[in-house]
Amino acid sequence: MGNIINEIRKTLYDCAEESYRDFNRSLIPGDIAPILGVRIPKLRKIAKKAAKENGREYLGALLKEERGGHVFYEELLLHGMIIGYLKCERKEREKLLNEFVPVIDNWSVCDSSCITYKFMKTDMEEWFDYLLRYVNDEREYAVRFAVVCMLNYFITETFVDRVVDILEKLQHEGYYVKMAVAWALSVCYVKFPKKMKLFFKNNELDDFTCNKAIQKIRDSLQVSREEKEMLKGLMR
């Protein structure tokens, strides 16, 4: 088991950049695993190669290590990315996610992993139901995982009303949950402005999340100056 971990770890060492490590560490607060400094495009290349050759073996090895195999931040990122790149059936993918979501410990691992989960564009009802199990989770990054997947794949004509209803009712007090909710609502506004104008005029969001969502919308280049002025008046 250790051989595959050491083999990929050597590749990570070879790709690491000290200056990028320091920059990346400044963006990710909290108690996380040491960062080597491997850029995301290189990590994606490593993850895709592993998914084709020995992805299941690598994920299994990470999970079976006595103290967990995620010695480095990049290994946790690889774990999440490989799940997206593996060719497998939905049930196996659910099992892999069930093992991964509990070990997410920062926003970067969450978001960089979720963006690889394009498999959610198929069997959408089933995947939406899968995400629902996390929206009332006590763990901050488990909830963020659900919200970020929703904003990436489910802000569509079919799902937007359900997504907005879930976002409005979320009660988790975690900062990174609130910021994800604000981000998701801003995406909803850009895609469905008429619907979301009414929402922002009358909603049950806490003031922080509401204002952050409006701020993100006003930062968008896809929103007109007139709309931005109107939204400014809705800030609490």
Protein backbone atom coordinates (compact mmCIF):
# COMPACT_ATOMS: atom_id res chain seq x y z
CA MET A 1 0.00 0.00 0.00
CA GLY A 2 2.74 2.41 0.95
CA ASN A 3 4.50 2.04 -2.41
CA ILE A 4 1.77 3.75 -4.42
CA ILE A 5 1.58 6.58 -1.88
CA ASN A 6 5.36 7.04 -1.96
CA GLU A 7 5.43 6.88 -5.75
CA ILE A 8 2.86 9.66 -6.16
CA ARG A 9 4.37 11.63 -3.28
CA LYS A 10 7.68 11.68 -5.13
CA THR A 11 5.90 13.15 -8.15
CA LEU A 12 4.41 15.83 -5.87
CA TYR A 13 7.85 16.65 -4.46
CA ASP A 14 9.21 17.03 -7.99
CA CYS A 15 6.41 19.47 -8.93
CA ALA A 16 6.52 21.55 -5.74
CA GLU A 17 7.38 25.26 -5.80
CA GLU A 18 8.41 27.00 -2.60
CA SER A 19 7.08 30.43 -3.61
CA TYR A 20 3.70 28.96 -4.56
CA ARG A 21 3.60 27.01 -1.28
CA ASP A 22 3.95 30.24 0.72
CA PHE A 23 1.36 32.03 -1.41
CA ASN A 24 -1.12 29.16 -1.14
CA ARG A 25 -0.68 28.86 2.61
CA SER A 26 -1.62 32.52 3.01
CA LEU A 27 -4.98 31.84 1.31
CA ILE A 28 -6.00 28.85 3.44
CA PRO A 29 -6.35 29.60 7.14
CA GLY A 30 -6.70 27.03 9.88
CA ASP A 31 -5.00 23.83 10.92
CA ILE A 32 -4.43 21.97 7.67
CA ALA A 33 -1.84 19.49 6.43
CA PRO A 34 1.51 20.88 5.27
CA ILE A 35 1.48 22.35 1.78
CA LEU A 36 4.14 21.34 -0.74
CA GLY A 37 3.30 24.02 -3.30
CA VAL A 38 2.04 22.10 -6.36
CA ARG A 39 -0.07 24.17 -8.70
CA ILE A 40 -3.64 23.04 -9.46
CA PRO A 41 -3.08 22.34 -13.21
CA LYS A 42 -0.19 20.01 -12.32
CA LEU A 43 -2.30 18.32 -9.64
CA ARG A 44 -5.08 17.75 -12.15
CA LYS A 45 -2.61 16.18 -14.57
CA ILE A 46 -1.34 13.85 -11.81
CA ALA A 47 -4.91 13.02 -10.77
CA LYS A 48 -6.00 12.18 -14.32
CA LYS A 49 -3.00 9.92 -14.84
CA ALA A 50 -3.62 8.17 -11.52
CA ALA A 51 -7.33 7.73 -12.31
CA LYS A 52 -6.40 5.88 -15.52
CA GLU A 53 -3.63 3.74 -14.05
CA ASN A 54 -4.03 3.07 -10.31
CA GLY A 55 -6.62 5.45 -8.89
CA ARG A 56 -8.55 2.90 -6.86
CA GLU A 57 -5.36 1.48 -5.39
CA TYR A 58 -4.19 4.97 -4.42
CA LEU A 59 -7.48 5.96 -2.78
CA GLY A 60 -7.59 2.67 -0.92
CA ALA A 61 -4.04 3.17 0.30
CA LEU A 62 -4.79 6.69 1.54
CA LEU A 63 -7.75 5.47 3.56
CA LYS A 64 -6.00 2.40 4.98
CA GLU A 65 -2.92 4.16 6.29
CA GLU A 66 -2.82 3.88 10.07
CA ARG A 67 -3.06 7.64 10.67
CA GLY A 68 -4.57 8.53 7.34
CA GLY A 69 -2.51 8.89 4.21
CA HIS A 70 -3.12 12.59 3.67
CA VAL A 71 0.25 13.75 4.99
CA PHE A 72 0.17 16.73 2.63
CA TYR A 73 -2.58 19.11 1.54
CA GLU A 74 -1.98 18.10 -2.08
CA GLU A 75 -2.73 14.46 -1.26
CA LEU A 76 -6.16 15.43 0.02
CA LEU A 77 -6.69 17.40 -3.19
CA LEU A 78 -5.65 14.39 -5.27
CA HIS A 79 -8.09 12.23 -3.32
CA GLY A 80 -10.97 14.51 -4.23
CA MET A 81 -9.93 15.03 -7.85
CA ILE A 82 -9.38 11.35 -8.63
CA ILE A 83 -12.98 10.62 -7.62
CA GLY A 84 -14.06 12.97 -10.39
CA TYR A 85 -11.76 11.50 -13.02
CA LEU A 86 -12.28 7.78 -12.35
CA LYS A 87 -14.49 5.86 -14.74
CA CYS A 88 -17.01 4.10 -12.50
CA GLU A 89 -20.70 3.56 -11.84
CA ARG A 90 -22.75 5.90 -9.66
CA LYS A 91 -22.92 3.54 -6.68
CA GLU A 92 -19.15 3.19 -6.54
CA ARG A 93 -18.77 6.95 -6.90
CA GLU A 94 -21.18 7.51 -4.01
CA LYS A 95 -19.11 5.16 -1.86
CA LEU A 96 -15.93 7.06 -2.73
CA LEU A 97 -17.59 10.37 -1.89
CA ASN A 98 -18.91 8.97 1.39
CA GLU A 99 -15.31 8.27 2.34
CA PHE A 100 -13.95 11.60 1.08
CA VAL A 101 -16.44 14.20 2.29
CA PRO A 102 -15.72 13.61 6.02
CA VAL A 103 -12.01 14.35 5.55
CA ILE A 104 -12.43 17.68 3.72
CA ASP A 105 -10.91 20.28 6.03
CA ASN A 106 -10.67 23.50 3.99
CA TRP A 107 -12.47 25.48 1.30
CA SER A 108 -9.78 24.93 -1.35
CA VAL A 109 -9.92 21.13 -1.24
CA CYS A 110 -13.72 21.32 -1.27
CA ASP A 111 -14.04 23.66 -4.24
CA SER A 112 -11.20 22.24 -6.36
CA SER A 113 -12.65 18.75 -5.94
CA CYS A 114 -16.28 19.70 -6.59
CA ILE A 115 -15.44 21.32 -9.90
CA THR A 116 -14.25 17.94 -11.20
CA TYR A 117 -17.58 16.23 -10.42
CA LYS A 118 -19.09 16.71 -13.86
CA PHE A 119 -20.60 13.23 -13.53
CA MET A 120 -23.39 15.00 -11.61
CA LYS A 121 -24.68 16.30 -14.93
CA THR A 122 -26.02 12.79 -15.57
CA ASP A 123 -28.50 11.08 -13.23
CA MET A 124 -29.17 14.58 -11.91
CA GLU A 125 -32.16 13.72 -9.75
CA GLU A 126 -30.19 10.96 -8.04
CA TRP A 127 -27.18 13.19 -7.46
CA PHE A 128 -29.35 16.01 -6.16
CA ASP A 129 -30.90 13.60 -3.68
CA TYR A 130 -27.40 12.50 -2.72
CA LEU A 131 -26.38 16.10 -1.94
CA LEU A 132 -29.45 16.59 0.25
CA ARG A 133 -27.97 14.26 2.86
CA TYR A 134 -25.28 16.87 3.55
CA VAL A 135 -27.24 20.13 3.67
CA ASN A 136 -28.12 19.71 7.36
CA ASP A 137 -24.80 18.15 8.35
CA GLU A 138 -23.02 19.55 11.41
CA ARG A 139 -19.66 19.58 9.60
CA GLU A 140 -18.91 22.89 7.92
CA TYR A 141 -17.15 21.49 4.88
CA ALA A 142 -19.68 18.72 4.33
CA VAL A 143 -22.35 21.41 3.96
CA ARG A 144 -20.08 23.51 1.77
CA PHE A 145 -19.49 20.44 -0.42
CA ALA A 146 -23.24 20.16 -1.05
CA VAL A 147 -23.65 23.88 -1.76
CA VAL A 148 -20.66 24.12 -4.10
CA CYS A 149 -21.83 21.07 -6.06
CA MET A 150 -25.27 22.64 -6.35
CA LEU A 151 -23.89 25.93 -7.65
CA ASN A 152 -21.71 24.13 -10.19
CA TYR A 153 -24.29 21.70 -11.59
CA PHE A 154 -27.84 22.41 -10.40
CA ILE A 155 -28.58 26.05 -11.07
CA THR A 156 -30.77 25.13 -14.00
CA GLU A 157 -34.38 25.72 -14.95
CA THR A 158 -35.28 22.35 -13.43
CA PHE A 159 -33.49 22.71 -10.12
CA VAL A 160 -33.08 26.42 -9.35
CA ASP A 161 -36.24 26.77 -7.23
CA ARG A 162 -35.25 23.79 -5.11
CA VAL A 163 -31.69 25.07 -4.75
CA VAL A 164 -32.80 28.56 -3.68
CA ASP A 165 -35.26 27.11 -1.17
CA ILE A 166 -32.48 24.98 0.36
CA LEU A 167 -30.02 27.89 0.47
CA GLU A 168 -32.54 30.18 2.13
CA LYS A 169 -33.28 27.65 4.87
CA LEU A 170 -29.69 26.62 5.66
CA GLN A 171 -28.97 27.29 9.32
CA HIS A 172 -25.28 26.37 9.60
CA GLU A 173 -23.26 29.17 11.21
CA GLY A 174 -19.92 28.27 9.61
CA TYR A 175 -18.25 31.13 7.75
CA TYR A 176 -17.39 28.94 4.76
CA VAL A 177 -20.96 27.71 4.52
CA LYS A 178 -22.33 31.25 4.52
CA MET A 179 -19.82 32.34 1.89
CA ALA A 180 -20.73 29.36 -0.31
CA VAL A 181 -24.43 30.15 0.03
CA ALA A 182 -23.76 33.78 -0.95
CA TRP A 183 -21.71 32.61 -3.94
CA ALA A 184 -24.44 30.19 -5.03
CA LEU A 185 -27.15 32.84 -4.77
CA SER A 186 -25.05 35.22 -6.85
CA VAL A 187 -24.81 32.55 -9.58
CA CYS A 188 -28.59 32.09 -9.35
CA TYR A 189 -29.04 35.83 -9.87
CA VAL A 190 -26.79 35.95 -12.95
CA LYS A 191 -28.66 33.03 -14.53
CA PHE A 192 -32.20 33.92 -13.37
CA PRO A 193 -32.22 37.67 -12.64
CA LYS A 194 -35.99 38.21 -12.74
CA LYS A 195 -36.65 35.40 -10.28
CA MET A 196 -33.81 36.44 -7.96
CA LYS A 197 -34.73 40.14 -7.87
CA LEU A 198 -37.96 39.11 -6.19
CA PHE A 199 -36.04 36.81 -3.87
CA PHE A 200 -33.70 39.53 -2.63
CA LYS A 201 -36.61 41.87 -1.98
CA ASN A 202 -38.14 39.34 0.39
CA ASN A 203 -36.10 36.51 1.91
CA GLU A 204 -35.24 34.92 5.23
CA LEU A 205 -31.45 34.99 4.91
CA ASP A 206 -29.39 36.31 7.79
CA ASP A 207 -28.01 39.79 7.15
CA PHE A 208 -24.40 38.66 6.65
CA THR A 209 -25.26 36.10 3.95
CA CYS A 210 -27.74 38.39 2.21
CA ASN A 211 -25.25 41.25 2.03
CA LYS A 212 -22.41 38.98 0.87
CA ALA A 213 -24.62 37.58 -1.90
CA ILE A 214 -25.57 41.08 -3.07
CA GLN A 215 -21.93 42.15 -2.93
CA LYS A 216 -20.91 39.21 -5.12
CA ILE A 217 -23.66 40.03 -7.62
CA ARG A 218 -22.57 43.67 -7.73
CA ASP A 219 -18.99 42.52 -8.44
CA SER A 220 -20.17 40.56 -11.49
CA LEU A 221 -19.41 41.89 -14.96
CA GLN A 222 -22.63 40.26 -16.17
CA VAL A 223 -24.87 42.59 -14.16
CA SER A 224 -25.77 46.05 -15.40
CA ARG A 225 -24.94 49.25 -13.53
CA GLU A 226 -28.64 49.94 -13.04
CA GLU A 227 -29.19 46.53 -11.46
CA LYS A 228 -26.19 47.03 -9.19
CA GLU A 229 -27.62 50.31 -7.94
CA MET A 230 -30.99 48.66 -7.31
CA LEU A 231 -29.30 45.84 -5.39
CA LYS A 232 -27.27 48.29 -3.33
CA GLY A 233 -30.54 49.60 -1.98
CA LEU A 234 -31.47 46.09 -0.79
CA MET A 235 -28.39 45.67 1.39
CA ARG A 236 -29.16 45.54 5.09
